[in-house]
PDB file of N, CA and C in Angstrom:
ATOM      1  N   MET A   1       8.901  -3.143 -14.584  1.00  0.00           N
ATOM      2  CA  MET A   1       9.038  -1.787 -13.171  1.00  0.00           C
ATOM      3  C   MET A   1       7.537  -1.554 -13.253  1.00  0.00           C
ATOM      4  N   GLU A   2       6.519  -1.898 -14.597  1.00  0.00           N
ATOM      5  CA  GLU A   2       5.143  -1.858 -13.551  1.00  0.00           C
ATOM      6  C   GLU A   2       4.599  -3.108 -12.631  1.00  0.00           C
ATOM      7  N   THR A   3       5.680  -4.228 -13.597  1.00  0.00           N
ATOM      8  CA  THR A   3       4.515  -5.517 -12.929  1.00  0.00           C
ATOM      9  C   THR A   3       5.326  -5.305 -11.424  1.00  0.00           C
ATOM     10  N   TYR A   4       6.455  -5.215 -11.678  1.00  0.00           N
ATOM     11  CA  TYR A   4       7.222  -4.586  -9.744  1.00  0.00           C
ATOM     12  C   TYR A   4       6.161  -3.663  -8.951  1.00  0.00           C
ATOM     13  N   ASN A   5       5.835  -2.706  -9.346  1.00  0.00           N
ATOM     14  CA  ASN A   5       5.008  -2.282  -8.508  1.00  0.00           C
ATOM     15  C   ASN A   5       3.550  -2.556  -8.359  1.00  0.00           C
ATOM     16  N   LYS A   6       3.234  -3.029  -9.257  1.00  0.00           N
ATOM     17  CA  LYS A   6       2.271  -4.224  -8.399  1.00  0.00           C
ATOM     18  C   LYS A   6       2.040  -4.922  -7.848  1.00  0.00           C
ATOM     19  N   ILE A   7       3.225  -5.810  -7.885  1.00  0.00           N
ATOM     20  CA  ILE A   7       3.003  -6.542  -6.912  1.00  0.00           C
ATOM     21  C   ILE A   7       3.726  -6.139  -5.486  1.00  0.00           C
ATOM     22  N   MET A   8       4.446  -5.033  -5.582  1.00  0.00           N
ATOM     23  CA  MET A   8       5.024  -4.436  -4.200  1.00  0.00           C
ATOM     24  C   MET A   8       3.324  -3.947  -3.783  1.00  0.00           C
ATOM     25  N   GLN A   9       2.619  -3.341  -4.329  1.00  0.00           N
ATOM     26  CA  GLN A   9       1.978  -1.870  -3.736  1.00  0.00           C
ATOM     27  C   GLN A   9       0.613  -3.382  -3.245  1.00  0.00           C
ATOM     28  N   PHE A  10       0.743  -4.966  -4.209  1.00  0.00           N
ATOM     29  CA  PHE A  10      -0.260  -5.793  -3.052  1.00  0.00           C
ATOM     30  C   PHE A  10       0.061  -5.352  -1.623  1.00  0.00           C
ATOM     31  N   PHE A  11       1.978  -6.068  -2.013  1.00  0.00           N
ATOM     32  CA  PHE A  11       2.679  -7.014  -0.992  1.00  0.00           C
ATOM     33  C   PHE A  11       2.226  -6.071   0.244  1.00  0.00           C
ATOM     34  N   TRP A  12       1.939  -4.946   0.246  1.00  0.00           N
ATOM     35  CA  TRP A  12       1.443  -4.200   1.330  1.00  0.00           C
ATOM     36  C   TRP A  12       0.626  -3.929   1.641  1.00  0.00           C
ATOM     37  N   LEU A  13      -0.340  -4.159   1.244  1.00  0.00           N
ATOM     38  CA  LEU A  13      -1.875  -4.173   1.269  1.00  0.00           C
ATOM     39  C   LEU A  13      -1.919  -5.945   2.315  1.00  0.00           C
ATOM     40  N   GLY A  14      -1.445  -6.319   1.341  1.00  0.00           N
ATOM     41  CA  GLY A  14      -1.591  -7.675   2.772  1.00  0.00           C
ATOM     42  C   GLY A  14      -0.408  -7.854   3.523  1.00  0.00           C
ATOM     43  N   VAL A  15       0.714  -6.867   3.663  1.00  0.00           N
ATOM     44  CA  VAL A  15       1.541  -6.640   4.844  1.00  0.00           C
ATOM     45  C   VAL A  15       0.207  -6.272   6.106  1.00  0.00           C
ATOM     46  N   GLY A  16      -0.359  -5.040   5.849  1.00  0.00           N
ATOM     47  CA  GLY A  16      -1.628  -3.881   6.063  1.00  0.00           C
ATOM     48  C   GLY A  16      -2.488  -5.319   6.468  1.00  0.00           C
ATOM     49  N   ILE A  17      -3.323  -6.275   5.987  1.00  0.00           N
ATOM     50  CA  ILE A  17      -4.707  -6.663   6.197  1.00  0.00           C
ATOM     51  C   ILE A  17      -3.592  -7.510   7.304  1.00  0.00           C
ATOM     52  N   VAL A  18      -2.438  -8.350   7.035  1.00  0.00           N
ATOM     53  CA  VAL A  18      -2.147  -9.905   7.932  1.00  0.00           C
ATOM     54  C   VAL A  18      -1.973  -8.993   9.021  1.00  0.00           C
ATOM     55  N   THR A  19      -1.316  -7.591   9.402  1.00  0.00           N
ATOM     56  CA  THR A  19      -0.998  -7.280  10.634  1.00  0.00           C
ATOM     57  C   THR A  19      -1.963  -6.333  11.301  1.00  0.00           C
ATOM     58  N   ILE A  20      -2.879  -6.130  11.210  1.00  0.00           N
ATOM     59  CA  ILE A  20      -3.765  -5.684  11.335  1.00  0.00           C
ATOM     60  C   ILE A  20      -4.854  -7.351  11.892  1.00  0.00           C
ATOM     61  N   VAL A  21      -4.943  -8.162  11.324  1.00  0.00           N
ATOM     62  CA  VAL A  21      -5.850  -9.702  11.648  1.00  0.00           C
ATOM     63  C   VAL A  21      -5.182  -9.791  12.758  1.00  0.00           C
ATOM     64  N   ALA A  22      -3.553  -9.424  12.579  1.00  0.00           N
ATOM     65  CA  ALA A  22      -2.898 -10.080  13.961  1.00  0.00           C
ATOM     66  C   ALA A  22      -2.613  -9.660  15.479  1.00  0.00           C
ATOM     67  N   VAL A  23      -2.660  -8.352  14.760  1.00  0.00           N
ATOM     68  CA  VAL A  23      -3.368  -7.421  16.334  1.00  0.00           C
ATOM     69  C   VAL A  23      -4.444  -7.525  17.186  1.00  0.00           C
ATOM     70  N   THR A  24      -5.461  -7.847  15.808  1.00  0.00           N
ATOM     71  CA  THR A  24      -6.626  -8.222  16.672  1.00  0.00           C
ATOM     72  C   THR A  24      -6.773  -9.246  17.336  1.00  0.00           C
ATOM     73  N   TYR A  25      -6.531 -10.215  16.572  1.00  0.00           N
ATOM     74  CA  TYR A  25      -6.391 -11.740  17.395  1.00  0.00           C
ATOM     75  C   TYR A  25      -5.517 -11.584  18.861  1.00  0.00           C
ATOM     76  N   LEU A  26      -4.357 -11.048  18.845  1.00  0.00           N
ATOM     77  CA  LEU A  26      -3.871 -11.476  20.272  1.00  0.00           C
ATOM     78  C   LEU A  26      -4.289  -9.722  21.318  1.00  0.00           C
ATOM     79  N   GLY A  27      -4.632  -9.306  20.492  1.00  0.00           N
ATOM     80  CA  GLY A  27      -5.371  -8.256  21.868  1.00  0.00           C
ATOM     81  C   GLY A  27      -6.650  -9.009  22.228  1.00  0.00           C
ATOM     82  N   PHE A  28      -7.489  -9.389  21.817  1.00  0.00           N
ATOM     83  CA  PHE A  28      -8.708 -10.787  22.147  1.00  0.00           C
ATOM     84  C   PHE A  28      -7.437 -11.630  23.495  1.00  0.00           C
ATOM     85  N   THR A  29      -6.782 -12.042  22.592  1.00  0.00           N
ATOM     86  CA  THR A  29      -6.147 -13.046  23.681  1.00  0.00           C
ATOM     87  C   THR A  29      -5.065 -12.850  24.859  1.00  0.00           C
ATOM     88  N   GLU A  30      -4.259 -11.612  24.614  1.00  0.00           N
ATOM     89  CA  GLU A  30      -3.853 -11.352  25.445  1.00  0.00           C
ATOM     90  C   GLU A  30      -4.219  -9.552  25.952  1.00  0.00           C
ATOM     91  N   GLY A  31      -4.915  -9.213  25.497  1.00  0.00           N
ATOM     92  CA  GLY A  31      -5.215  -7.539  25.935  1.00  0.00           C
ATOM     93  C   GLY A  31      -5.394  -6.603  25.066  1.00  0.00           C
ATOM     94  N   PHE A  32      -5.845  -5.666  24.788  1.00  0.00           N
ATOM     95  CA  PHE A  32      -5.565  -4.856  24.362  1.00  0.00           C
ATOM     96  C   PHE A  32      -5.291  -3.667  24.320  1.00  0.00           C
ATOM     97  N   GLU A  33      -4.976  -3.675  26.253  1.00  0.00           N
ATOM     98  CA  GLU A  33      -3.998  -2.779  26.195  1.00  0.00           C
ATOM     99  C   GLU A  33      -2.440  -3.264  26.065  1.00  0.00           C
ATOM    100  N   ARG A  34      -2.183  -3.390  26.066  1.00  0.00           N
ATOM    101  CA  ARG A  34      -0.693  -4.112  25.155  1.00  0.00           C
ATOM    102  C   ARG A  34      -0.349  -3.827  24.172  1.00  0.00           C
ATOM    103  N   TRP A  35      -1.297  -4.362  23.273  1.00  0.00           N
ATOM    104  CA  TRP A  35      -1.470  -4.564  22.200  1.00  0.00           C
ATOM    105  C   TRP A  35      -2.152  -3.637  21.253  1.00  0.00           C
ATOM    106  N   SER A  36      -2.364  -2.087  21.536  1.00  0.00           N
ATOM    107  CA  SER A  36      -3.511  -1.513  20.379  1.00  0.00           C
ATOM    108  C   SER A  36      -2.444  -0.717  20.261  1.00  0.00           C
ATOM    109  N   GLY A  37      -0.815  -0.355  19.737  1.00  0.00           N
ATOM    110  CA  GLY A  37      -0.111   0.419  19.326  1.00  0.00           C
ATOM    111  C   GLY A  37       0.615   0.215  18.414  1.00  0.00           C
ATOM    112  N   TYR A  38       0.190  -1.294  17.821  1.00  0.00           N
ATOM    113  CA  TYR A  38       0.741  -1.858  16.433  1.00  0.00           C
ATOM    114  C   TYR A  38       0.127  -1.671  16.397  1.00  0.00           C
ATOM    115  N   TYR A  39      -1.328  -1.377  15.744  1.00  0.00           N
ATOM    116  CA  TYR A  39      -2.364  -1.380  14.958  1.00  0.00           C
ATOM    117  C   TYR A  39      -1.928   0.563  14.277  1.00  0.00           C
ATOM    118  N   ILE A  40      -0.767   1.282  14.318  1.00  0.00           N
ATOM    119  CA  ILE A  40       0.050   1.630  13.547  1.00  0.00           C
ATOM    120  C   ILE A  40       0.275   1.366  11.929  1.00  0.00           C
ATOM    121  N   PHE A  41       1.312   0.136  12.632  1.00  0.00           N
ATOM    122  CA  PHE A  41       1.804  -0.803  11.223  1.00  0.00           C
ATOM    123  C   PHE A  41       1.365  -0.958  10.213  1.00  0.00           C
ATOM    124  N   GLY A  42      -0.160  -1.727  10.566  1.00  0.00           N
ATOM    125  CA  GLY A  42      -0.964  -2.167   9.642  1.00  0.00           C
ATOM    126  C   GLY A  42      -1.487  -1.300   8.845  1.00  0.00           C
ATOM    127  N   VAL A  43      -1.643   0.399   9.824  1.00  0.00           N
ATOM    128  CA  VAL A  43      -2.462   1.619   9.184  1.00  0.00           C
ATOM    129  C   VAL A  43      -1.535   1.583   8.616  1.00  0.00           C
ATOM    130  N   PHE A  44       0.023   1.866   8.434  1.00  0.00           N
ATOM    131  CA  PHE A  44       1.062   2.903   8.095  1.00  0.00           C
ATOM    132  C   PHE A  44       1.393   1.748   6.510  1.00  0.00           C
ATOM    133  N   ALA A  45       0.721   0.418   6.491  1.00  0.00           N
ATOM    134  CA  ALA A  45       1.272  -0.974   5.830  1.00  0.00           C
ATOM    135  C   ALA A  45       0.345  -0.128   4.563  1.00  0.00           C
ATOM    136  N   ILE A  46      -0.869  -0.636   5.128  1.00  0.00           N
ATOM    137  CA  ILE A  46      -2.036  -0.011   4.117  1.00  0.00           C
ATOM    138  C   ILE A  46      -2.215   1.611   3.519  1.00  0.00           C
ATOM    139  N   LEU A  47      -1.942   2.405   4.210  1.00  0.00           N
ATOM    140  CA  LEU A  47      -1.619   3.848   3.676  1.00  0.00           C
ATOM    141  C   LEU A  47      -0.420   3.542   2.459  1.00  0.00           C
ATOM    142  N   LEU A  48       0.806   3.115   2.392  1.00  0.00           N
ATOM    143  CA  LEU A  48       1.382   3.388   1.475  1.00  0.00           C
ATOM    144  C   LEU A  48       0.783   2.114   0.299  1.00  0.00           C
ATOM    145  N   PHE A  49      -0.118   1.355   0.816  1.00  0.00           N
ATOM    146  CA  PHE A  49      -0.993   1.033  -0.339  1.00  0.00           C
ATOM    147  C   PHE A  49      -1.743   1.511  -1.515  1.00  0.00           C
ATOM    148  N   PHE A  50      -2.267   2.517  -0.257  1.00  0.00           N
ATOM    149  CA  PHE A  50      -2.929   2.881  -1.287  1.00  0.00           C
ATOM    150  C   PHE A  50      -2.592   5.019  -2.027  1.00  0.00           C
ATOM    151  N   VAL A  51      -0.755   5.401  -1.631  1.00  0.00           N
ATOM    152  CA  VAL A  51       0.171   6.065  -2.348  1.00  0.00           C
ATOM    153  C   VAL A  51       0.784   5.816  -3.164  1.00  0.00           C
ATOM    154  N   ARG A  52       1.139   4.348  -3.169  1.00  0.00           N
ATOM    155  CA  ARG A  52       1.207   3.615  -4.481  1.00  0.00           C
ATOM    156  C   ARG A  52       0.365   3.472  -5.552  1.00  0.00           C
ATOM    157  N   ARG A  53      -0.439   3.616  -4.920  1.00  0.00           N
ATOM    158  CA  ARG A  53      -1.286   2.728  -6.588  1.00  0.00           C
ATOM    159  C   ARG A  53      -1.732   4.934  -6.594  1.00  0.00           C
ATOM    160  N   ILE A  54      -1.781   5.408  -5.808  1.00  0.00           N
ATOM    161  CA  ILE A  54      -1.793   7.073  -6.667  1.00  0.00           C
ATOM    162  C   ILE A  54      -0.481   7.429  -7.207  1.00  0.00           C
ATOM    163  N   MET A  55       0.657   6.752  -6.822  1.00  0.00           N
ATOM    164  CA  MET A  55       1.816   7.710  -7.470  1.00  0.00           C
ATOM    165  C   MET A  55       1.399   6.743  -8.802  1.00  0.00           C
ATOM    166  N   MET A  56       1.496   5.288  -9.280  1.00  0.00           N
ATOM    167  CA  MET A  56       1.136   4.415 -10.163  1.00  0.00           C
ATOM    168  C   MET A  56      -0.064   5.369 -11.313  1.00  0.00           C
ATOM    169  N   LYS A  57      -1.069   5.529 -10.838  1.00  0.00           N
ATOM    170  CA  LYS A  57      -1.988   6.222 -11.691  1.00  0.00           C
ATOM    171  C   LYS A  57      -0.911   7.618 -11.920  1.00  0.00           C
ATOM    172  N   ARG A  58      -0.396   8.368 -11.568  1.00  0.00           N
ATOM    173  CA  ARG A  58      -0.217   9.441 -12.057  1.00  0.00           C
ATOM    174  C   ARG A  58       1.357   8.782 -13.113  1.00  0.00           C
ATOM    175  N   MET A  59       2.097   8.225 -12.357  1.00  0.00           N
ATOM    176  CA  MET A  59       3.152   8.386 -13.561  1.00  0.00           C
ATOM    177  C   MET A  59       2.384   7.362 -15.080  1.00  0.00           C
ATOM    178  N   VAL A  60       1.407   6.682 -15.148  1.00  0.00           N
ATOM    179  CA  VAL A  60       0.341   6.408 -16.334  1.00  0.00           C
ATOM    180  C   VAL A  60       0.318   7.225 -17.109  1.00  0.00           C
ATOM    181  N   LYS A  61      -0.081   8.434 -16.139  1.00  0.00           N
ATOM    182  CA  LYS A  61      -1.107   9.533 -17.091  1.00  0.00           C
ATOM    183  C   LYS A  61       0.402  10.388 -17.358  1.00  0.00           C
ATOM    184  N   HIS A  62       1.792  10.191 -16.372  1.00  0.00           N
ATOM    185  CA  HIS A  62       2.649  11.333 -17.376  1.00  0.00           C
ATOM    186  C   HIS A  62       3.100   9.929 -18.552  1.00  0.00           C
ATOM    187  N   GLN A  63       3.421   9.407 -18.127  1.00  0.00           N
ATOM    188  CA  GLN A  63       4.150   8.406 -19.536  1.00  0.00           C
ATOM    189  C   GLN A  63       3.166   8.762 -20.865  1.00  0.00           C
ATOM    190  N   GLN A  64       1.810   9.225 -20.860  1.00  0.00           N
ATOM    191  CA  GLN A  64       0.543   9.188 -22.191  1.00  0.00           C
ATOM    192  C   GLN A  64       0.975  10.646 -23.000  1.00  0.00           C
ATOM    193  N   PHE A  65       1.521  11.431 -21.416  1.00  0.00           N
ATOM    194  CA  PHE A  65       1.921  12.382 -21.202  1.00  0.00           C
ATOM    195  C   PHE A  65       3.236  13.066 -22.736  1.00  0.00           C
ATOM    196  N   LEU A  66       4.174  12.002 -22.100  1.00  0.00           N
ATOM    197  CA  LEU A  66       4.781  12.246 -23.138  1.00  0.00           C
ATOM    198  C   LEU A  66       4.614  11.110 -24.523  1.00  0.00           C
ATOM    199  N   ASP A  67       4.141   9.972 -24.423  1.00  0.00           N
ATOM    200  CA  ASP A  67       4.062   9.412 -25.401  1.00  0.00           C
ATOM    201  C   ASP A  67       3.309  10.515 -26.732  1.00  0.00           C
ATOM    202  N   GLU A  68       2.673  11.731 -25.714  1.00  0.00           N
ATOM    203  CA  GLU A  68       1.837  12.563 -27.508  1.00  0.00           C
ATOM    204  C   GLU A  68       2.826  13.443 -27.198  1.00  0.00           C
ATOM    205  N   GLN A  69       3.888  13.970 -26.398  1.00  0.00           N
ATOM    206  CA  GLN A  69       4.844  15.199 -26.775  1.00  0.00           C
ATOM    207  C   GLN A  69       5.876  14.312 -28.062  1.00  0.00           C
ATOM    208  N   ASN A  70       6.201  13.093 -27.606  1.00  0.00           N
ATOM    209  CA  ASN A  70       6.819  12.563 -28.626  1.00  0.00           C
ATOM    210  C   ASN A  70       5.956  12.479 -30.009  1.00  0.00           C
ATOM    211  N   LYS A  71       4.840  11.992 -30.223  1.00  0.00           N
ATOM    212  CA  LYS A  71       4.176  11.943 -31.538  1.00  0.00           C
ATOM    213  C   LYS A  71       3.715  13.674 -31.615  1.00  0.00           C
ATOM    214  N   LYS A  72       3.982  14.479 -30.886  1.00  0.00           N
ATOM    215  CA  LYS A  72       3.742  15.560 -32.058  1.00  0.00           C
ATOM    216  C   LYS A  72       4.864  16.151 -32.714  1.00  0.00           C
ATOM    217  N   LYS A  73       5.894  15.534 -32.333  1.00  0.00           N
ATOM    218  CA  LYS A  73       7.852  16.540 -32.910  1.00  0.00           C
ATOM    219  C   LYS A  73       7.870  14.959 -33.843  1.00  0.00           C
TER     220      LYS A  73
END
Protein backbone atom coordinates (compact mmCIF):
# COMPACT_ATOMS: atom_id res chain seq x y z
CA MET A 1 0.00 0.00 0.00
CA GLU A 2 2.91 2.34 0.69
CA THR A 3 4.19 1.96 -2.88
CA TYR A 4 0.75 2.80 -4.26
CA ASN A 5 0.56 5.91 -2.09
CA LYS A 6 3.98 7.11 -3.28
CA ILE A 7 3.04 6.52 -6.91
CA MET A 8 -0.22 8.44 -6.52
CA GLN A 9 1.54 11.23 -4.66
CA PHE A 10 3.94 11.84 -7.54
CA PHE A 11 1.14 11.29 -10.07
CA TRP A 12 -0.67 14.32 -8.66
CA LEU A 13 2.53 16.36 -8.69
CA GLY A 14 3.08 15.44 -12.33
CA VAL A 15 -0.50 16.23 -13.29
CA GLY A 16 -0.26 19.60 -11.56
CA ILE A 17 2.98 20.57 -13.25
CA VAL A 18 1.84 19.43 -16.70
CA THR A 19 -1.47 21.26 -16.31
CA ILE A 20 0.17 24.51 -15.24
CA VAL A 21 2.71 24.33 -18.07
CA ALA A 22 0.00 23.54 -20.63
CA VAL A 23 -2.28 26.34 -19.43
CA THR A 24 0.64 28.79 -19.49
CA TYR A 25 1.52 27.77 -23.04
CA LEU A 26 -2.08 28.06 -24.19
CA GLY A 27 -2.35 31.39 -22.40
CA PHE A 28 0.58 32.79 -24.34
CA THR A 29 -0.63 31.40 -27.68
CA GLU A 30 -4.39 32.01 -27.42
CA GLY A 31 -4.73 34.61 -24.70
CA PHE A 32 -4.88 34.45 -20.92
CA GLU A 33 -8.42 35.77 -20.66
CA ARG A 34 -9.63 32.46 -22.08
CA TRP A 35 -7.29 30.08 -20.19
CA SER A 36 -6.59 31.73 -16.85
CA GLY A 37 -9.48 29.92 -15.13
CA TYR A 38 -7.86 26.56 -15.81
CA TYR A 39 -4.98 27.26 -13.43
CA ILE A 40 -7.27 26.11 -10.64
CA PHE A 41 -6.97 22.51 -11.87
CA GLY A 42 -3.17 22.60 -11.68
CA VAL A 43 -3.23 24.22 -8.26
CA PHE A 44 -5.76 21.65 -7.05
CA ALA A 45 -3.58 18.76 -8.26
CA ILE A 46 -0.51 20.19 -6.49
CA LEU A 47 -2.63 20.69 -3.37
CA LEU A 48 -3.56 17.00 -3.53
CA PHE A 49 0.15 16.16 -3.71
CA PHE A 50 0.80 18.01 -0.44
CA VAL A 51 -2.29 16.57 1.26
CA ARG A 52 -1.23 13.03 0.37
CA ARG A 53 2.28 13.79 1.61
CA ILE A 54 1.01 15.04 4.97
CA MET A 55 -1.35 12.09 5.33
CA MET A 56 1.43 9.61 4.53
CA LYS A 57 3.61 11.12 7.28
CA ARG A 58 0.70 10.88 9.72
CA MET A 59 0.11 7.26 8.70
CA VAL A 60 3.77 6.35 9.34
CA LYS A 61 3.71 8.00 12.78
CA HIS A 62 0.48 6.24 13.67
CA GLN A 63 1.86 2.88 12.55
CA GLN A 64 4.93 3.43 14.74
CA PHE A 65 2.66 4.24 17.67
CA LEU A 66 0.67 1.05 17.10
CA ASP A 67 3.87 -0.99 16.88
CA GLU A 68 5.04 0.45 20.22
CA GLN A 69 1.71 -0.40 21.80
CA ASN A 70 1.96 -3.99 20.56
CA LYS A 71 5.50 -4.33 21.95
CA LYS A 72 4.31 -3.26 25.40
CA LYS A 73 1.72 -6.05 25.49
